[in-house]
């Protein structure tokens, strides 16, 4: 399945120090993740010298406290308090912010960071549930076959792919179809871009096991990759298979195939480069056809939708859709001569 980073993530583990959910039947005095023990249902004991009924305020005969104690108490009071759930409510764990590969041996959580503008994206990063085999492949093979899309430097595709023509694939799911296409055409390099960490590890593992030296995995935003890191007319093709359809009307702006994206991608395509899109979502297929047909630098190789070409494998995701009665549409366009 392609880009489809809109599938739900599994809930990340709560950070140390974050507010935790109080499960039913929790015993008072148990330690929270922050390491502090709390007693539920007990009132705070007044501090020495305080009058009964006050919240720890010192009485008239109390000795003055040291300035250091008062400063520490003021700093503690300035800290934001953890939200308190209503009876029966559950607190959502905070999203995990620690890097999955803190030693830098795998894909970065946000490679572009603050270098580039914040905008509506067509994807949501999915970084959970990495298997031990996928994590091992990422740690061992990422320095060799992986790259982060940081937007800071131009990629030398000739050096990266040893002179092969390069096709950019945006969204590759778990990478099975990408590996099959790479094996069928070893003389073409595939720059496979996605944000799905398990899929990145799975594709690297498939490349190693099948001896596929023509695959490189790019982690991050494809828009930044095209705009900042690829030279004009440097690509021999563009593949976008089963991108997230964002079916709700208010989410249509998140769809990848938009006029601005196609215009940008076209500048990175060499004359004669093939643009191949596929989707099983009928309204999105119509939008793809309209947008690609309206781009003056592209020409449709068919009068409308195209039959599925032999070089695109039938994926597991596609097979499931066909079993449900979905109709898959392919689109094949070519970059016009400059």
Protein backbone atom coordinates (compact mmCIF):
# COMPACT_ATOMS: atom_id res chain seq x y z
CA UNK A 1 0.00 0.00 0.00
CA UNK A 2 1.31 3.34 -0.80
CA UNK A 3 1.74 6.46 1.13
CA UNK A 4 -1.32 5.83 3.26
CA UNK A 5 0.27 7.29 6.35
CA UNK A 6 -3.19 8.12 7.56
CA UNK A 7 -3.81 4.72 9.03
CA UNK A 8 -4.02 4.93 12.80
CA UNK A 9 -0.85 4.69 14.82
CA UNK A 10 -0.68 2.46 17.79
CA UNK A 11 -0.62 4.48 20.98
CA UNK A 12 2.96 5.35 21.96
CA UNK A 13 4.28 4.73 25.40
CA UNK A 14 3.81 7.51 27.89
CA UNK A 15 6.84 9.61 28.66
CA UNK A 16 8.43 9.59 32.07
CA UNK A 17 6.92 12.36 34.07
CA UNK A 18 3.77 12.53 31.99
CA UNK A 19 0.35 12.33 33.56
CA UNK A 20 -0.73 8.73 33.71
CA UNK A 21 -4.12 7.12 33.58
CA UNK A 22 -5.41 6.00 36.91
CA UNK A 23 -6.67 2.53 36.31
CA UNK A 24 -9.66 1.19 38.16
CA UNK A 25 -8.77 -0.31 41.49
CA UNK A 26 -5.41 1.47 41.73
CA UNK A 27 -4.09 1.38 45.27
CA UNK A 28 -3.43 4.65 47.05
CA UNK A 29 0.22 5.36 47.59
CA UNK A 30 1.40 3.58 44.41
CA UNK A 31 4.15 5.28 42.46
CA UNK A 32 3.37 6.99 39.17
CA UNK A 33 5.76 6.94 36.20
CA UNK A 34 7.38 10.15 37.43
CA UNK A 35 8.55 8.16 40.45
CA UNK A 36 6.58 10.05 43.11
CA UNK A 37 4.14 8.27 45.41
CA UNK A 38 0.74 9.85 46.06
CA UNK A 39 -1.94 9.01 48.57
CA UNK A 40 -5.46 9.40 47.23
CA UNK A 41 -8.21 10.72 49.46
CA UNK A 42 -5.95 12.18 52.17
CA UNK A 43 -5.78 15.89 52.89
CA UNK A 44 -2.41 17.55 52.96
CA UNK A 45 -0.99 17.77 56.46
CA UNK A 46 -0.46 21.32 57.67
CA UNK A 47 3.11 22.41 57.92
CA UNK A 48 4.61 23.02 61.35
CA UNK A 49 3.37 26.24 62.88
CA UNK A 50 0.27 26.51 60.72
CA UNK A 51 -3.15 27.18 62.10
CA UNK A 52 -5.82 24.50 61.89
CA UNK A 53 -8.01 24.88 58.83
CA UNK A 54 -5.40 26.68 56.72
CA UNK A 55 -3.61 25.19 53.75
CA UNK A 56 -0.16 25.11 55.21
CA UNK A 57 0.12 28.86 55.89
CA UNK A 58 2.57 29.62 58.69
CA UNK A 59 1.18 30.83 61.99
CA UNK A 60 2.26 33.99 63.78
CA UNK A 61 4.72 32.11 65.99
CA UNK A 62 6.33 30.15 63.16
CA UNK A 63 10.02 30.70 62.52
CA UNK A 64 10.87 32.34 59.18
CA UNK A 65 11.87 29.86 56.52
CA UNK A 66 15.21 30.11 54.68
CA UNK A 67 15.21 32.09 51.43
CA UNK A 68 16.30 28.97 49.50
CA UNK A 69 13.18 27.10 50.64
CA UNK A 70 10.94 29.98 49.65
CA UNK A 71 12.57 30.18 46.18
CA UNK A 72 12.15 26.46 45.60
CA UNK A 73 8.53 26.61 46.68
CA UNK A 74 7.84 29.53 44.33
CA UNK A 75 9.45 27.71 41.41
CA UNK A 76 7.34 24.63 42.12
CA UNK A 77 4.17 26.73 42.20
CA UNK A 78 5.04 28.18 38.79
CA UNK A 79 5.09 24.74 37.18
CA UNK A 80 1.96 23.82 35.19
CA UNK A 81 -0.22 21.29 36.97
CA UNK A 82 -1.07 17.98 35.34
CA UNK A 83 -4.67 17.86 34.14
CA UNK A 84 -7.06 16.10 36.48
CA UNK A 85 -9.60 13.88 34.73
CA UNK A 86 -13.24 13.92 35.66
CA UNK A 87 -14.56 10.82 37.39
CA UNK A 88 -14.39 7.96 34.91
CA UNK A 89 -12.38 9.99 32.33
CA UNK A 90 -9.06 8.79 30.97
CA UNK A 91 -6.06 10.93 30.22
CA UNK A 92 -4.48 10.50 26.81
CA UNK A 93 -0.81 9.62 27.04
CA UNK A 94 1.52 12.25 25.68
CA UNK A 95 3.00 11.45 22.26
CA UNK A 96 6.44 9.91 22.36
CA UNK A 97 9.12 12.46 21.56
CA UNK A 98 12.29 10.50 22.17
CA UNK A 99 13.95 9.29 18.96
CA UNK A 100 13.56 5.66 18.03
CA UNK A 101 17.22 5.56 16.96
CA UNK A 102 18.95 7.95 19.39
CA UNK A 103 22.39 6.93 18.18
CA UNK A 104 21.61 8.20 14.67
CA UNK A 105 21.86 4.77 13.05
CA UNK A 106 18.30 4.85 11.66
CA UNK A 107 15.74 7.24 10.20
CA UNK A 108 15.19 10.49 12.08
CA UNK A 109 11.80 11.26 13.61
CA UNK A 110 11.59 14.68 11.88
CA UNK A 111 14.52 15.04 9.50
CA UNK A 112 13.56 18.46 8.11
CA UNK A 113 12.94 19.82 11.60
CA UNK A 114 12.41 23.58 11.60
CA UNK A 115 14.36 24.18 8.40
CA UNK A 116 11.20 24.45 6.32
CA UNK A 117 7.74 25.94 6.61
CA UNK A 118 4.85 24.27 8.35
CA UNK A 119 2.05 23.43 5.94
CA UNK A 120 -0.76 20.99 5.33
CA UNK A 121 0.73 17.55 4.72
CA UNK A 122 -0.68 14.58 2.88
CA UNK A 123 0.69 12.13 5.42
CA UNK A 124 0.98 11.39 9.10
CA UNK A 125 4.18 9.75 10.32
CA UNK A 126 3.70 6.18 11.50
CA UNK A 127 6.62 5.16 13.67
CA UNK A 128 5.21 2.46 15.92
CA UNK A 129 5.43 -1.30 16.23
CA UNK A 130 8.82 -1.93 14.63
CA UNK A 131 9.69 -5.63 14.78
CA UNK A 132 13.12 -6.75 15.97
CA UNK A 133 14.02 -7.81 12.42
CA UNK A 134 12.99 -4.46 10.98
CA UNK A 135 14.89 -2.57 13.67
CA UNK A 136 17.99 -4.68 12.98
CA UNK A 137 17.76 -3.98 9.24
CA UNK A 138 17.40 -0.25 9.89
CA UNK A 139 20.41 -0.10 12.19
CA UNK A 140 22.65 -2.12 9.89
CA UNK A 141 21.53 -0.92 6.46
CA UNK A 142 20.37 2.66 6.96
CA UNK A 143 23.91 4.12 6.80
CA UNK A 144 24.38 2.29 3.49
CA UNK A 145 21.00 2.52 1.74
CA UNK A 146 18.97 5.09 3.68
CA UNK A 147 18.81 8.87 3.73
CA UNK A 148 16.88 11.47 5.69
CA UNK A 149 15.05 14.20 3.82
CA UNK A 150 16.44 17.21 5.69
CA UNK A 151 16.25 19.65 2.80
CA UNK A 152 19.78 20.92 3.44
CA UNK A 153 21.71 19.53 0.46
CA UNK A 154 21.23 18.37 -3.11
CA UNK A 155 21.38 14.61 -3.73
CA UNK A 156 23.80 13.38 -6.38
CA UNK A 157 21.66 10.64 -7.93
CA UNK A 158 24.42 9.48 -10.25
CA UNK A 159 26.67 8.77 -7.31
CA UNK A 160 23.88 7.33 -5.15
CA UNK A 161 22.70 4.88 -7.84
CA UNK A 162 25.99 4.32 -9.67
CA UNK A 163 24.82 5.93 -12.90
CA UNK A 164 21.43 4.20 -13.19
CA UNK A 165 18.34 6.14 -14.27
CA UNK A 166 16.27 6.81 -11.18
CA UNK A 167 12.54 6.50 -10.54
CA UNK A 168 11.04 8.17 -7.47
CA UNK A 169 8.36 6.14 -5.69
CA UNK A 170 6.32 8.06 -3.13
CA UNK A 171 4.71 5.80 -0.55
CA UNK A 172 5.64 2.12 -0.64
CA UNK A 173 3.86 0.61 2.37
CA UNK A 174 5.78 -2.48 3.47
CA UNK A 175 7.87 -2.49 0.29
CA UNK A 176 6.92 -5.84 -1.28
CA UNK A 177 5.89 -4.33 -4.64
CA UNK A 178 8.92 -2.04 -4.65
CA UNK A 179 11.25 -5.00 -4.14
CA UNK A 180 9.55 -6.94 -6.93
CA UNK A 181 9.92 -4.05 -9.38
CA UNK A 182 13.56 -3.55 -8.40
CA UNK A 183 14.28 -7.24 -8.98
CA UNK A 184 12.55 -7.18 -12.36
CA UNK A 185 14.52 -4.12 -13.53
CA UNK A 186 17.94 -4.09 -11.86
CA UNK A 187 19.26 -1.44 -14.28
CA UNK A 188 16.84 1.17 -12.88
CA UNK A 189 17.33 2.74 -9.49
CA UNK A 190 14.34 3.22 -7.19
CA UNK A 191 14.37 6.06 -4.69
CA UNK A 192 11.58 4.89 -2.37
CA UNK A 193 10.17 7.63 -0.13
CA UNK A 194 7.94 7.00 2.89
CA UNK A 195 7.54 7.88 6.58
CA UNK A 196 6.39 4.44 7.76
CA UNK A 197 9.27 3.17 9.88
CA UNK A 198 8.27 -0.53 9.88
CA UNK A 199 7.94 -0.40 6.09
CA UNK A 200 11.35 1.22 5.76
CA UNK A 201 12.93 -1.55 7.78
CA UNK A 202 11.01 -4.23 5.89
CA UNK A 203 12.07 -2.89 2.49
CA UNK A 204 15.73 -2.68 3.51
CA UNK A 205 15.53 -6.28 4.71
CA UNK A 206 13.96 -7.38 1.42
CA UNK A 207 16.68 -5.57 -0.54
CA UNK A 208 19.42 -7.31 1.43
CA UNK A 209 17.90 -10.78 1.24
CA UNK A 210 17.28 -10.52 -2.50
CA UNK A 211 20.55 -8.82 -3.39
CA UNK A 212 18.86 -5.63 -4.66
CA UNK A 213 21.49 -2.92 -4.85
CA UNK A 214 19.24 -0.56 -6.86
CA UNK A 215 17.00 0.52 -3.93
CA UNK A 216 17.51 3.51 -1.66
CA UNK A 217 15.05 4.45 1.07
CA UNK A 218 14.29 8.11 1.76
CA UNK A 219 12.66 9.14 5.03
CA UNK A 220 10.54 12.28 5.22
CA UNK A 221 8.45 14.71 3.21
CA UNK A 222 8.40 14.07 -0.55
CA UNK A 223 7.64 17.76 -1.21
CA UNK A 224 10.89 18.81 0.46
CA UNK A 225 12.74 16.05 -1.36
CA UNK A 226 11.51 17.26 -4.75
CA UNK A 227 11.88 20.96 -4.07
CA UNK A 228 15.14 21.11 -2.15
CA UNK A 229 17.13 17.95 -2.80
CA UNK A 230 16.56 16.82 -6.40
CA UNK A 231 17.94 18.61 -9.44
CA UNK A 232 15.69 19.65 -12.34
CA UNK A 233 15.18 16.94 -14.99
CA UNK A 234 16.97 14.37 -12.80
CA UNK A 235 14.28 11.68 -12.61
CA UNK A 236 13.40 9.01 -15.16
CA UNK A 237 9.99 8.44 -13.61
CA UNK A 238 7.55 9.05 -10.78
CA UNK A 239 5.34 6.39 -9.12
CA UNK A 240 2.51 7.09 -6.71
CA UNK A 241 0.60 3.90 -5.92
CA UNK A 242 -2.47 3.95 -3.69
CA UNK A 243 -1.88 7.22 -1.86
CA UNK A 244 -4.19 8.04 1.01
CA UNK A 245 -7.50 9.13 -0.56
CA UNK A 246 -8.51 11.32 2.38
CA UNK A 247 -12.16 10.58 1.60
CA UNK A 248 -13.79 13.24 3.78
CA UNK A 249 -14.44 16.46 1.89
CA UNK A 250 -12.78 18.63 4.50
CA UNK A 251 -9.62 16.53 4.11
CA UNK A 252 -9.39 16.71 0.30
CA UNK A 253 -6.79 19.46 0.67
CA UNK A 254 -4.47 16.82 2.13
CA UNK A 255 -4.45 14.67 -0.98
CA UNK A 256 -1.03 14.40 -2.58
CA UNK A 257 -2.04 14.71 -6.22
CA UNK A 258 -2.80 18.42 -6.43
CA UNK A 259 -1.90 20.93 -9.20
CA UNK A 260 0.95 22.44 -7.14
CA UNK A 261 2.51 19.05 -6.45
CA UNK A 262 2.28 17.91 -10.08
CA UNK A 263 3.79 21.18 -11.33
CA UNK A 264 6.73 20.79 -8.92
CA UNK A 265 7.28 17.12 -9.72
CA UNK A 266 7.20 17.81 -13.45
CA UNK A 267 10.21 20.12 -13.15
CA UNK A 268 12.24 17.21 -11.73
CA UNK A 269 11.30 14.83 -14.55
CA UNK A 270 13.53 14.39 -17.56
CA UNK A 271 11.87 14.57 -20.99
CA UNK A 272 10.15 11.25 -21.66
CA UNK A 273 9.92 10.34 -17.96
CA UNK A 274 6.87 8.28 -17.03
CA UNK A 275 4.37 9.34 -14.36
CA UNK A 276 2.40 6.37 -13.06
CA UNK A 277 -0.37 6.69 -10.47
CA UNK A 278 -2.83 4.10 -9.20
CA UNK A 279 -5.76 4.22 -6.79
CA UNK A 280 -8.83 2.19 -5.89
CA UNK A 281 -10.79 5.24 -4.72
CA UNK A 282 -13.02 6.33 -7.60
CA UNK A 283 -13.38 10.04 -6.72
CA UNK A 284 -9.63 10.36 -6.19
CA UNK A 285 -9.00 8.63 -9.53
CA UNK A 286 -11.14 11.27 -11.25
CA UNK A 287 -9.24 14.03 -9.47
CA UNK A 288 -5.92 12.49 -10.49
CA UNK A 289 -7.03 12.35 -14.11
CA UNK A 290 -8.17 15.97 -14.06
CA UNK A 291 -5.02 17.28 -12.37
CA UNK A 292 -2.55 15.33 -14.52
CA UNK A 293 -4.41 16.21 -17.72
CA UNK A 294 -4.31 19.90 -16.81
CA UNK A 295 -0.52 19.95 -16.40
CA UNK A 296 0.81 21.31 -19.74
CA UNK A 297 4.19 19.53 -19.46
CA UNK A 298 2.55 16.08 -19.32
CA UNK A 299 0.72 14.03 -21.94
CA UNK A 300 -1.64 11.14 -21.32
CA UNK A 301 -0.54 7.88 -22.95
CA UNK A 302 -4.18 6.76 -23.09
CA UNK A 303 -7.49 8.47 -23.76
CA UNK A 304 -8.37 8.25 -20.06
CA UNK A 305 -7.41 5.65 -17.51
CA UNK A 306 -4.79 3.08 -18.45
CA UNK A 307 -4.80 -0.71 -18.09
CA UNK A 308 -2.55 -1.96 -15.32
CA UNK A 309 0.94 -2.32 -16.85
CA UNK A 310 2.74 -5.60 -16.37
CA UNK A 311 5.58 -3.99 -14.44
CA UNK A 312 3.29 -2.96 -11.55
CA UNK A 313 2.82 -5.99 -9.28
CA UNK A 314 -0.55 -6.86 -7.85
CA UNK A 315 -0.11 -5.98 -4.19
CA UNK A 316 -1.78 -7.61 -1.20
CA UNK A 317 -3.60 -4.36 -0.46
CA UNK A 318 -4.86 -4.17 -4.03
CA UNK A 319 -6.03 -7.78 -3.93
CA UNK A 320 -8.03 -7.10 -0.78
CA UNK A 321 -9.69 -4.14 -2.49
CA UNK A 322 -10.54 -6.18 -5.55
CA UNK A 323 -12.10 -8.85 -3.33
CA UNK A 324 -14.35 -6.14 -1.91
CA UNK A 325 -15.42 -5.02 -5.37
CA UNK A 326 -13.16 -1.98 -5.62
CA UNK A 327 -12.10 -0.85 -9.08
CA UNK A 328 -8.43 0.03 -9.46
CA UNK A 329 -7.52 2.82 -11.88
CA UNK A 330 -4.04 3.31 -13.33
CA UNK A 331 -2.89 6.53 -14.96
CA UNK A 332 0.13 6.77 -17.26
CA UNK A 333 1.47 10.15 -18.34
CA UNK A 334 4.76 11.14 -19.98
CA UNK A 335 6.88 14.27 -19.59
CA UNK A 336 6.82 16.25 -22.81
CA UNK A 337 10.09 17.36 -24.40
CA UNK A 338 11.37 20.66 -23.01
